[in-house]
Amino acid sequence: MNLVKLENITKILKSQVANGEVKGASAYVLRGGHPIYRANVGMADEARGIKWENDTIVRLYSVTKNITAAAVMILLDRGMLDINDRVCWYLEGFKNQSVLTENGSEPLKNEVTIKNLLDMTSGCCYPDTGFAAGAEMQKLFDRMAKDVEEGKPWDTITIANEIGKQPLAFQPGEKWMYGTSADILGAIVEVISGKKFSDFLHMELFEPLGMKDTDFWCPPEKLNRLSENYEFKDGELVPCCWQHLGLTYMCRKKPEFESGGAGLLSTMDDMAAFGSMLLNKGVYNGRRILSENAVRYMPSPQLNENQLSSFDWEDKRGYNYGNLMGIATDLSRTGPSVHLGEYGWDGWLGCQFINDPEGGYTFLYFIQRCGGLGARPIRIIKQIVYGAED
């Protein structure tokens, strides 16, 4: 590996800060679980004078989904769950569901299953006033936020049941749509395990992987490492003082709703451990976390032709989707920065997690800016790494 060429990554990060795109950024690349490149630039919190460091704590947002998928795989490994189980067996709110489309209400043809949730083919949408079912979900999340303000917060299972009572955006399995599926899976983990979602994650994933800084909130003793979240407003980056998707307390208090879709905070080192475990076929430091079968299944493309037609994000061209992550399947559409079979996901604030089984790489790129910077930064980082191979 040509280490001099890898320094081009540092130049990219510094230019992002210098150009005012972000306040701070970090990149971390491992191969076979061993670090080959790492850099931190800029500030984690400008107002508090906190530099971006190796142990900076960030909000993962949708990178959380990858961890939720692993939690579900643990239940599958133990025979506590089957991929085709109906969600209504575990959550009362999913009984007697209906579908709400532009043409009005329709009766349900097939019950939502665990597989539908893992593949985002459930019809359980995010709040979005642009279509009928999304508008109903928006009303639910507004009501939830109001209750939190009044000191009446909802817990993980309550929220999942309330989501189940809302009309679906389409018949389960009909197509793909990004939505609340991972939040529902977090509640199902609670129901089946008999533990809070966070307790299950700590016991089964975070503790054995040494993910000591990953949680649904940042305790007081770690606030000096918590990054600020910035938004671009009136031509400059300023702290973002609002939250959405049911998240609460600005990460400074333990939440009642532990969002399996967007709620976790973490660090580069913690996510590197998670990625290394998956690349090592489910084993970390000699301890098996997931079966080889589960690790094979997690990054497998699950969308059929009809479902794939609605997985049409520009950044995901050449990808399929399955088990809450994107999987590269068509190199003619992805370009040279992608190896066949790479998998992972990104978050709303710009955090990126990618495993590349072919090359043996784990790629991490962290920023904290509303809306992120798209897939371009991580693509360039990968291109530099592949170009630096001897």
Protein backbone atom coordinates (compact mmCIF):
# COMPACT_ATOMS: atom_id res chain seq x y z
CA MET A 1 0.00 0.00 0.00
CA ASN A 2 1.42 3.37 -1.06
CA LEU A 3 1.03 5.46 2.11
CA VAL A 4 2.02 8.67 0.35
CA LYS A 5 -0.94 8.34 -2.00
CA LEU A 6 -3.26 7.78 0.97
CA GLU A 7 -2.40 11.28 2.21
CA ASN A 8 -4.60 12.56 -0.61
CA ILE A 9 -7.52 11.60 1.63
CA THR A 10 -6.30 14.07 4.25
CA LYS A 11 -6.19 16.77 1.59
CA ILE A 12 -9.81 16.03 0.67
CA LEU A 13 -10.94 16.31 4.29
CA LYS A 14 -9.03 19.55 4.83
CA SER A 15 -10.54 21.05 1.69
CA GLN A 16 -14.05 20.24 2.96
CA VAL A 17 -13.35 22.23 6.12
CA ALA A 18 -11.56 25.05 4.29
CA ASN A 19 -14.43 25.40 1.81
CA GLY A 20 -16.99 25.64 4.62
CA GLU A 21 -18.74 22.41 3.69
CA VAL A 22 -18.24 20.95 7.18
CA LYS A 23 -16.76 22.04 10.50
CA GLY A 24 -14.92 18.76 11.00
CA ALA A 25 -14.50 15.34 9.41
CA SER A 26 -12.74 12.04 9.87
CA ALA A 27 -11.90 9.03 7.74
CA TYR A 28 -10.72 5.59 8.82
CA VAL A 29 -9.74 2.67 6.58
CA LEU A 30 -8.97 -0.83 7.82
CA ARG A 31 -7.90 -3.91 5.90
CA GLY A 32 -8.38 -7.31 7.45
CA GLY A 33 -9.29 -5.51 10.65
CA HIS A 34 -5.97 -3.63 10.76
CA PRO A 35 -5.80 0.18 10.35
CA ILE A 36 -4.07 1.40 7.20
CA TYR A 37 -5.16 5.05 7.21
CA ARG A 38 -6.74 7.50 9.64
CA ALA A 39 -7.22 11.26 9.72
CA ASN A 40 -9.22 13.82 11.69
CA VAL A 41 -9.56 17.47 10.65
CA GLY A 42 -11.38 20.53 11.92
CA MET A 43 -13.66 20.96 14.90
CA ALA A 44 -16.19 18.63 16.47
CA ASP A 45 -17.78 21.59 18.25
CA GLU A 46 -16.52 25.03 17.28
CA ALA A 47 -18.31 26.97 20.04
CA ARG A 48 -16.87 24.75 22.77
CA GLY A 49 -13.44 24.60 21.14
CA ILE A 50 -13.49 20.81 20.78
CA LYS A 51 -11.30 19.43 18.00
CA TRP A 52 -12.31 16.39 15.96
CA GLU A 53 -10.36 13.44 17.41
CA ASN A 54 -10.27 9.64 17.15
CA ASP A 55 -12.78 9.33 19.99
CA THR A 56 -15.23 12.00 18.83
CA ILE A 57 -18.81 10.82 19.38
CA VAL A 58 -21.21 11.30 16.46
CA ARG A 59 -24.88 10.73 15.75
CA LEU A 60 -25.06 7.81 13.32
CA TYR A 61 -28.65 8.34 12.23
CA SER A 62 -29.39 5.65 9.61
CA VAL A 63 -26.08 3.83 10.04
CA THR A 64 -27.94 2.61 13.15
CA LYS A 65 -29.93 0.36 10.83
CA ASN A 66 -26.89 -1.87 10.17
CA ILE A 67 -26.59 -2.59 13.88
CA THR A 68 -30.31 -3.26 14.18
CA ALA A 69 -30.02 -5.79 11.35
CA ALA A 70 -27.25 -7.58 13.26
CA ALA A 71 -29.45 -7.72 16.36
CA VAL A 72 -32.21 -9.39 14.35
CA MET A 73 -29.68 -11.89 12.95
CA ILE A 74 -28.78 -12.89 16.53
CA LEU A 75 -32.43 -13.78 17.18
CA LEU A 76 -32.56 -15.72 13.92
CA ASP A 77 -29.37 -17.59 14.86
CA ARG A 78 -31.01 -18.70 18.11
CA GLY A 79 -34.28 -19.79 16.54
CA MET A 80 -36.21 -17.13 18.45
CA LEU A 81 -37.51 -15.66 15.20
CA ASP A 82 -38.12 -16.70 11.61
CA ILE A 83 -37.67 -14.46 8.60
CA ASN A 84 -41.26 -15.07 7.44
CA ASP A 85 -42.91 -14.48 10.82
CA ARG A 86 -45.79 -12.03 10.75
CA VAL A 87 -45.16 -8.81 12.63
CA CYS A 88 -48.66 -8.92 14.14
CA TRP A 89 -47.58 -11.99 16.13
CA TYR A 90 -45.33 -9.71 18.17
CA LEU A 91 -47.00 -6.29 17.97
CA GLU A 92 -50.76 -5.85 18.45
CA GLY A 93 -50.77 -2.64 16.44
CA PHE A 94 -50.12 -4.58 13.24
CA LYS A 95 -53.41 -6.44 13.37
CA ASN A 96 -56.21 -5.39 11.00
CA GLN A 97 -54.02 -3.11 8.89
CA SER A 98 -55.05 -1.32 5.71
CA VAL A 99 -53.31 0.36 2.77
CA LEU A 100 -53.83 4.00 1.83
CA THR A 101 -52.95 5.03 -1.73
CA GLU A 102 -53.90 7.91 -4.02
CA ASN A 103 -56.96 5.84 -4.94
CA GLY A 104 -58.14 5.53 -1.37
CA SER A 105 -58.10 2.80 1.27
CA GLU A 106 -57.51 -0.85 0.35
CA PRO A 107 -57.78 -4.00 2.46
CA LEU A 108 -54.52 -5.78 3.23
CA LYS A 109 -53.67 -8.70 0.93
CA ASN A 110 -50.71 -10.07 2.90
CA GLU A 111 -49.54 -9.43 6.46
CA VAL A 112 -46.27 -7.54 7.02
CA THR A 113 -43.43 -9.97 7.77
CA ILE A 114 -40.00 -9.70 9.37
CA LYS A 115 -38.50 -10.02 5.91
CA ASN A 116 -40.57 -7.06 4.69
CA LEU A 117 -39.15 -4.99 7.54
CA LEU A 118 -35.55 -6.04 6.85
CA ASP A 119 -35.89 -5.26 3.14
CA MET A 120 -37.94 -2.02 3.48
CA THR A 121 -40.79 -3.58 1.50
CA SER A 122 -43.26 -3.33 4.40
CA GLY A 123 -45.15 -0.21 3.32
CA CYS A 124 -44.35 1.37 6.71
CA CYS A 125 -43.24 4.81 5.57
CA TYR A 126 -41.52 7.78 7.15
CA PRO A 127 -43.49 10.99 7.79
CA ASP A 128 -43.98 12.74 4.46
CA THR A 129 -46.85 15.06 3.54
CA GLY A 130 -46.23 14.39 -0.15
CA PHE A 131 -48.45 11.29 -0.21
CA ALA A 132 -51.47 10.02 1.70
CA ALA A 133 -49.94 7.41 3.99
CA GLY A 134 -46.93 9.63 4.66
CA ALA A 135 -49.22 12.46 5.72
CA GLU A 136 -50.92 10.17 8.23
CA MET A 137 -47.51 9.13 9.58
CA GLN A 138 -46.58 12.82 9.89
CA LYS A 139 -49.63 13.36 12.12
CA LEU A 140 -48.51 10.46 14.31
CA PHE A 141 -44.95 11.79 14.70
CA ASP A 142 -46.29 15.30 15.41
CA ARG A 143 -48.51 13.86 18.15
CA MET A 144 -45.56 11.94 19.57
CA ALA A 145 -43.39 15.08 19.62
CA LYS A 146 -46.15 17.04 21.37
CA ASP A 147 -46.44 14.37 24.06
CA VAL A 148 -42.68 14.46 24.63
CA GLU A 149 -42.85 18.25 25.09
CA GLU A 150 -45.61 17.75 27.65
CA GLY A 151 -43.58 15.18 29.58
CA LYS A 152 -45.45 12.13 28.27
CA PRO A 153 -42.85 10.33 26.12
CA TRP A 154 -43.61 7.11 24.27
CA ASP A 155 -41.39 4.05 24.58
CA THR A 156 -40.05 1.85 21.77
CA ILE A 157 -42.85 -0.72 21.76
CA THR A 158 -45.59 1.91 22.06
CA ILE A 159 -44.26 3.78 19.04
CA ALA A 160 -44.01 0.58 16.99
CA ASN A 161 -47.61 -0.32 17.81
CA GLU A 162 -48.79 3.17 16.90
CA ILE A 163 -46.91 2.95 13.59
CA GLY A 164 -48.70 -0.33 12.95
CA LYS A 165 -52.06 1.37 13.37
CA GLN A 166 -51.27 3.79 10.55
CA PRO A 167 -52.19 2.84 6.97
CA LEU A 168 -49.45 1.33 4.84
CA ALA A 169 -48.21 3.15 1.76
CA PHE A 170 -48.57 0.03 -0.41
CA GLN A 171 -49.25 -3.69 -0.18
CA PRO A 172 -46.40 -5.46 1.68
CA GLY A 173 -43.84 -6.80 -0.78
CA GLU A 174 -45.18 -4.71 -3.66
CA LYS A 175 -42.21 -2.31 -3.78
CA TRP A 176 -39.36 -0.72 -1.81
CA MET A 177 -39.75 2.43 0.28
CA TYR A 178 -37.47 3.86 2.93
CA GLY A 179 -39.32 4.11 6.22
CA THR A 180 -39.85 3.10 9.83
CA SER A 181 -39.15 -0.62 9.38
CA ALA A 182 -35.95 -0.61 11.46
CA ASP A 183 -37.70 1.15 14.36
CA ILE A 184 -40.30 -1.61 14.35
CA LEU A 185 -37.57 -4.26 14.37
CA GLY A 186 -36.05 -2.64 17.47
CA ALA A 187 -39.38 -3.10 19.23
CA ILE A 188 -39.61 -6.72 18.08
CA VAL A 189 -36.16 -7.38 19.56
CA GLU A 190 -37.53 -6.02 22.86
CA VAL A 191 -40.66 -8.20 22.72
CA ILE A 192 -38.79 -11.41 21.89
CA SER A 193 -35.77 -10.92 24.17
CA GLY A 194 -37.67 -9.47 27.11
CA LYS A 195 -34.99 -6.77 27.36
CA LYS A 196 -34.87 -3.11 26.43
CA PHE A 197 -33.43 -2.74 22.97
CA SER A 198 -30.38 -0.91 24.35
CA ASP A 199 -29.77 -3.61 26.97
CA PHE A 200 -29.92 -6.31 24.31
CA LEU A 201 -27.47 -4.41 22.08
CA HIS A 202 -25.05 -3.83 24.96
CA MET A 203 -25.12 -7.47 26.03
CA GLU A 204 -24.98 -9.09 22.60
CA LEU A 205 -22.99 -6.61 20.49
CA PHE A 206 -21.47 -3.58 22.20
CA GLU A 207 -19.79 -5.31 25.15
CA PRO A 208 -18.29 -8.27 23.24
CA LEU A 209 -17.14 -5.91 20.46
CA GLY A 210 -15.72 -3.35 22.89
CA MET A 211 -18.08 -0.67 21.54
CA LYS A 212 -17.85 1.31 24.76
CA ASP A 213 -19.07 4.62 23.31
CA THR A 214 -22.10 3.38 21.36
CA ASP A 215 -25.50 4.12 22.86
CA PHE A 216 -28.77 5.96 22.35
CA TRP A 217 -27.53 8.97 24.33
CA CYS A 218 -24.35 10.67 25.50
CA PRO A 219 -23.83 10.63 29.30
CA PRO A 220 -22.51 13.78 31.02
CA GLU A 221 -18.97 12.45 31.43
CA LYS A 222 -18.64 12.06 27.65
CA LEU A 223 -20.15 15.38 26.54
CA ASN A 224 -16.66 16.83 26.03
CA ARG A 225 -16.35 14.37 23.11
CA LEU A 226 -19.81 14.85 21.57
CA SER A 227 -19.77 16.53 18.17
CA GLU A 228 -22.15 19.33 17.34
CA ASN A 229 -24.65 18.84 14.54
CA TYR A 230 -24.51 21.64 11.96
CA GLU A 231 -26.92 22.84 9.31
CA PHE A 232 -26.29 25.16 6.37
CA LYS A 233 -28.34 28.30 6.95
CA ASP A 234 -28.09 31.79 5.45
CA GLY A 235 -24.84 30.90 3.74
CA GLU A 236 -23.01 29.41 6.73
CA LEU A 237 -22.89 26.37 8.98
CA VAL A 238 -24.65 26.90 12.31
CA PRO A 239 -25.63 24.47 15.10
CA CYS A 240 -28.81 22.55 14.36
CA CYS A 241 -31.25 22.92 17.24
CA TRP A 242 -34.04 20.62 16.08
CA GLN A 243 -34.60 16.87 15.82
CA HIS A 244 -36.94 14.65 13.84
CA LEU A 245 -37.90 10.97 13.36
CA GLY A 246 -38.95 10.73 16.99
CA LEU A 247 -35.51 11.50 18.43
CA THR A 248 -35.49 13.49 21.66
CA TYR A 249 -33.43 15.41 24.23
CA MET A 250 -30.61 16.33 21.80
CA CYS A 251 -28.84 13.09 22.81
CA ARG A 252 -28.19 14.38 26.34
CA LYS A 253 -30.73 12.27 28.21
CA LYS A 254 -31.54 8.58 27.93
CA PRO A 255 -34.56 8.37 25.58
CA GLU A 256 -37.66 6.26 26.11
CA PHE A 257 -37.84 5.58 22.36
CA GLU A 258 -34.69 3.75 21.26
CA SER A 259 -34.82 4.18 17.52
CA GLY A 260 -33.48 1.18 15.61
CA GLY A 261 -33.55 3.30 12.48
CA ALA A 262 -31.72 6.45 13.54
CA GLY A 263 -31.02 6.64 17.27
CA LEU A 264 -27.46 5.48 17.97
CA LEU A 265 -24.36 7.53 18.73
CA SER A 266 -20.95 5.99 18.17
CA THR A 267 -17.26 6.51 17.35
CA MET A 268 -14.92 5.47 14.57
CA ASP A 269 -13.29 2.79 16.72
CA ASP A 270 -16.61 1.29 17.74
CA MET A 271 -17.90 1.08 14.18
CA ALA A 272 -14.55 -0.30 13.00
CA ALA A 273 -14.98 -3.17 15.47
CA PHE A 274 -18.48 -3.85 14.15
CA GLY A 275 -17.27 -3.82 10.54
CA SER A 276 -14.29 -6.05 11.32
CA MET A 277 -16.54 -8.61 13.01
CA LEU A 278 -18.69 -8.87 9.89
CA LEU A 279 -15.66 -9.19 7.58
CA ASN A 280 -14.28 -11.91 9.88
CA LYS A 281 -17.38 -14.05 9.33
CA GLY A 282 -19.01 -13.11 12.63
CA VAL A 283 -16.01 -13.56 14.93
CA TYR A 284 -14.26 -10.82 16.93
CA ASN A 285 -11.22 -11.38 19.15
CA GLY A 286 -11.88 -15.11 19.06
CA ARG A 287 -15.50 -14.78 20.13
CA ARG A 288 -18.36 -15.64 17.79
CA ILE A 289 -21.00 -12.91 17.63
CA LEU A 290 -22.95 -14.01 14.55
CA SER A 291 -23.01 -17.31 12.71
CA GLU A 292 -21.28 -17.56 9.34
CA ASN A 293 -24.71 -18.21 7.87
CA ALA A 294 -26.06 -14.93 9.28
CA VAL A 295 -23.04 -12.97 8.01
CA ARG A 296 -23.51 -14.48 4.55
CA TYR A 297 -27.19 -13.59 4.54
CA MET A 298 -26.93 -10.03 5.87
CA PRO A 299 -25.28 -8.48 2.78
CA SER A 300 -27.33 -10.43 0.24
CA PRO A 301 -29.49 -8.60 -2.33
CA GLN A 302 -33.17 -9.22 -1.61
CA LEU A 303 -35.16 -6.98 -3.95
CA ASN A 304 -36.85 -8.51 -6.98
CA GLU A 305 -37.29 -6.67 -10.27
CA ASN A 306 -40.51 -4.94 -9.25
CA GLN A 307 -39.17 -3.86 -5.86
CA LEU A 308 -35.85 -2.78 -7.32
CA SER A 309 -37.58 -0.32 -9.67
CA SER A 310 -38.49 1.88 -6.69
CA PHE A 311 -34.99 1.68 -5.17
CA ASP A 312 -34.02 4.51 -7.47
CA TRP A 313 -31.77 6.82 -5.45
CA GLU A 314 -29.05 8.37 -7.57
CA ASP A 315 -26.32 7.49 -5.04
CA LYS A 316 -27.43 3.84 -5.08
CA ARG A 317 -27.34 3.14 -8.80
CA GLY A 318 -25.96 -0.35 -9.31
CA TYR A 319 -27.00 -1.42 -5.81
CA ASN A 320 -29.65 -3.77 -4.49
CA TYR A 321 -30.99 -3.72 -0.93
CA GLY A 322 -31.45 -6.26 1.82
CA ASN A 323 -31.34 -6.50 5.62
CA LEU A 324 -31.24 -2.72 6.08
CA MET A 325 -28.21 -2.13 3.85
CA GLY A 326 -27.27 -1.50 0.25
CA ILE A 327 -25.27 -4.12 -1.66
CA ALA A 328 -23.30 -3.43 -4.86
CA THR A 329 -24.51 -5.74 -7.62
CA ASP A 330 -23.86 -4.00 -10.95
CA LEU A 331 -20.43 -2.49 -11.56
CA SER A 332 -21.50 -1.13 -14.93
CA ARG A 333 -23.62 1.38 -13.02
CA THR A 334 -21.60 1.97 -9.84
CA GLY A 335 -18.30 3.08 -11.40
CA PRO A 336 -14.70 2.21 -10.44
CA SER A 337 -14.93 3.17 -6.76
CA VAL A 338 -16.98 0.07 -5.96
CA HIS A 339 -16.18 -3.62 -5.66
CA LEU A 340 -18.87 -6.19 -6.30
CA GLY A 341 -20.56 -7.21 -3.05
CA GLU A 342 -19.61 -4.17 -0.96
CA TYR A 343 -22.28 -3.32 1.58
CA GLY A 344 -23.24 -0.77 4.21
CA TRP A 345 -25.30 2.36 4.63
CA ASP A 346 -25.12 6.07 5.42
CA GLY A 347 -26.83 8.47 7.79
CA TRP A 348 -28.65 11.78 7.44
CA LEU A 349 -25.77 13.71 9.00
CA GLY A 350 -23.27 12.29 6.50
CA CYS A 351 -21.79 9.32 8.36
CA GLN A 352 -20.84 6.45 6.04
CA PHE A 353 -20.09 2.79 6.83
CA ILE A 354 -18.97 0.40 4.08
CA ASN A 355 -17.48 -3.09 4.15
CA ASP A 356 -15.72 -4.38 1.03
CA PRO A 357 -15.36 -8.19 1.32
CA GLU A 358 -13.44 -8.50 -1.95
CA GLY A 359 -10.68 -6.16 -0.84
CA GLY A 360 -11.04 -6.90 2.87
CA TYR A 361 -11.62 -3.22 3.65
CA THR A 362 -13.78 -1.36 6.15
CA PHE A 363 -14.35 2.29 5.16
CA LEU A 364 -15.64 4.90 7.59
CA TYR A 365 -16.28 8.57 6.87
CA PHE A 366 -17.87 10.76 9.55
CA ILE A 367 -19.21 14.31 9.42
CA GLN A 368 -22.10 15.99 11.24
CA ARG A 369 -24.02 18.15 8.78
CA CYS A 370 -27.75 18.00 8.10
CA GLY A 371 -28.30 16.26 4.79
CA GLY A 372 -24.65 15.16 4.57
CA LEU A 373 -22.56 15.59 1.43
CA GLY A 374 -23.88 12.63 -0.53
CA ALA A 375 -21.87 9.62 -1.66
CA ARG A 376 -19.10 11.57 -3.40
CA PRO A 377 -16.67 11.84 -0.42
CA ILE A 378 -16.71 8.13 0.39
CA ARG A 379 -16.43 7.24 -3.30
CA ILE A 380 -13.34 9.42 -3.63
CA ILE A 381 -11.83 7.92 -0.47
CA LYS A 382 -12.30 4.43 -1.90
CA GLN A 383 -10.84 5.46 -5.24
CA ILE A 384 -7.73 6.79 -3.51
CA VAL A 385 -7.31 3.59 -1.48
CA TYR A 386 -7.76 1.31 -4.49
CA GLY A 387 -5.36 3.50 -6.46
CA ALA A 388 -2.75 3.20 -3.70
CA GLU A 389 -2.63 -0.61 -3.77
CA ASP A 390 0.79 -2.01 -4.72
